[in-house]
Amino acid sequence: MRWVVLGLAAAIMLGAVVHLLRPPSLRYPEQTMALMAAMDDDGDGRLGELEFRRRAPAATPLGVFDLDASGHIEAHELEAMMLLVDPLWLAHSPR
């Protein structure tokens, strides 16, 4: 019985870790992915330092919006940044 309880606890913990490591889903996927495509010059699906620098104010460090400290802005971080900076961008449909 003890091994069953330990096995169940381990399975629950593993499930929680997998859930935490998965990137968050986008609330506005169509708008966010259209914006990412417009900003992502090299087509890798994320914004690097140079891509970020071309569009961000000079005094804004990448790390402010790089929530997972990966050195890049992924789609969920771009969406969070846009919701913080200009929530009305969602009112416009992507082109």
Protein backbone atom coordinates (compact mmCIF):
# COMPACT_ATOMS: atom_id res chain seq x y z
CA MET A 1 0.00 0.00 0.00
CA ARG A 2 2.84 2.33 0.84
CA TRP A 3 4.40 1.89 -2.62
CA VAL A 4 1.08 2.61 -4.29
CA VAL A 5 0.74 5.89 -2.40
CA LEU A 6 4.35 6.86 -3.20
CA GLY A 7 3.84 5.98 -6.86
CA LEU A 8 0.68 8.04 -7.02
CA ALA A 9 2.40 10.99 -5.33
CA ALA A 10 5.31 10.75 -7.81
CA ALA A 11 2.89 10.67 -10.76
CA ILE A 12 1.08 13.76 -9.47
CA MET A 13 4.37 15.61 -8.98
CA LEU A 14 5.58 14.65 -12.47
CA GLY A 15 2.30 15.87 -13.96
CA ALA A 16 2.65 19.19 -12.12
CA VAL A 17 6.23 19.68 -13.37
CA VAL A 18 5.22 18.93 -16.97
CA HIS A 19 2.35 21.41 -16.67
CA LEU A 20 4.66 24.13 -15.32
CA LEU A 21 7.23 23.63 -18.09
CA ARG A 22 4.68 23.91 -20.90
CA PRO A 23 4.48 27.41 -22.36
CA PRO A 24 1.25 29.20 -21.52
CA SER A 25 -1.48 29.24 -24.13
CA LEU A 26 -2.20 32.48 -25.91
CA ARG A 27 -5.35 34.41 -25.11
CA TYR A 28 -5.32 36.12 -28.52
CA PRO A 29 -3.46 33.69 -30.80
CA GLU A 30 -4.45 35.20 -34.16
CA GLN A 31 -3.36 38.74 -33.28
CA THR A 32 -0.27 37.63 -31.38
CA MET A 33 1.02 35.33 -34.13
CA ALA A 34 0.38 37.99 -36.80
CA LEU A 35 2.38 40.50 -34.77
CA MET A 36 5.15 37.95 -34.17
CA ALA A 37 5.34 37.21 -37.91
CA ALA A 38 5.62 40.93 -38.67
CA MET A 39 8.43 41.43 -36.13
CA ASP A 40 10.34 38.15 -36.53
CA ASP A 41 12.88 38.92 -39.24
CA ASP A 42 14.68 35.56 -39.23
CA GLY A 43 11.51 33.45 -39.02
CA ASP A 44 12.51 31.40 -35.98
CA GLY A 45 9.25 32.11 -34.14
CA ARG A 46 10.79 34.30 -31.45
CA LEU A 47 12.36 37.73 -31.17
CA GLY A 48 16.09 37.92 -30.53
CA GLU A 49 17.97 40.89 -29.12
CA LEU A 50 18.44 42.61 -32.50
CA GLU A 51 14.81 42.13 -33.56
CA PHE A 52 13.65 43.46 -30.19
CA ARG A 53 16.08 46.42 -30.35
CA ARG A 54 14.76 47.50 -33.77
CA ARG A 55 11.27 48.04 -32.39
CA ALA A 56 11.58 48.74 -28.66
CA PRO A 57 12.50 52.08 -27.12
CA ALA A 58 16.26 52.28 -26.65
CA ALA A 59 16.09 52.31 -22.85
CA THR A 60 13.97 49.14 -22.60
CA PRO A 61 16.06 46.05 -21.78
CA LEU A 62 14.99 42.74 -23.34
CA GLY A 63 15.01 41.13 -19.89
CA VAL A 64 12.02 43.18 -18.77
CA PHE A 65 9.76 41.16 -21.09
CA ASP A 66 11.80 37.94 -21.33
CA LEU A 67 9.87 36.22 -18.54
CA ASP A 68 11.70 32.89 -18.73
CA ALA A 69 15.19 34.45 -19.16
CA SER A 70 15.76 32.53 -22.40
CA GLY A 71 17.33 35.51 -24.18
CA HIS A 72 14.41 35.68 -26.62
CA ILE A 73 10.84 36.95 -26.62
CA GLU A 74 8.46 34.06 -27.34
CA ALA A 75 4.84 34.48 -28.44
CA HIS A 76 3.36 34.33 -24.91
CA GLU A 77 5.86 36.97 -23.74
CA LEU A 78 5.07 39.19 -26.74
CA GLU A 79 1.37 38.93 -25.96
CA ALA A 80 1.97 39.82 -22.30
CA MET A 81 4.14 42.76 -23.36
CA MET A 82 1.51 44.09 -25.76
CA LEU A 83 -1.27 43.72 -23.19
CA LEU A 84 0.82 45.73 -20.76
CA VAL A 85 2.02 48.40 -23.17
CA ASP A 86 -1.04 48.83 -25.44
CA PRO A 87 -4.11 46.68 -24.68
CA LEU A 88 -6.01 48.26 -27.57
CA TRP A 89 -3.85 46.47 -30.14
CA LEU A 90 -6.25 43.54 -29.71
CA ALA A 91 -9.09 45.63 -31.14
CA HIS A 92 -7.36 45.60 -34.53
CA SER A 93 -7.54 42.47 -36.60
CA PRO A 94 -4.23 41.20 -38.01
CA ARG A 95 -3.33 42.01 -41.60
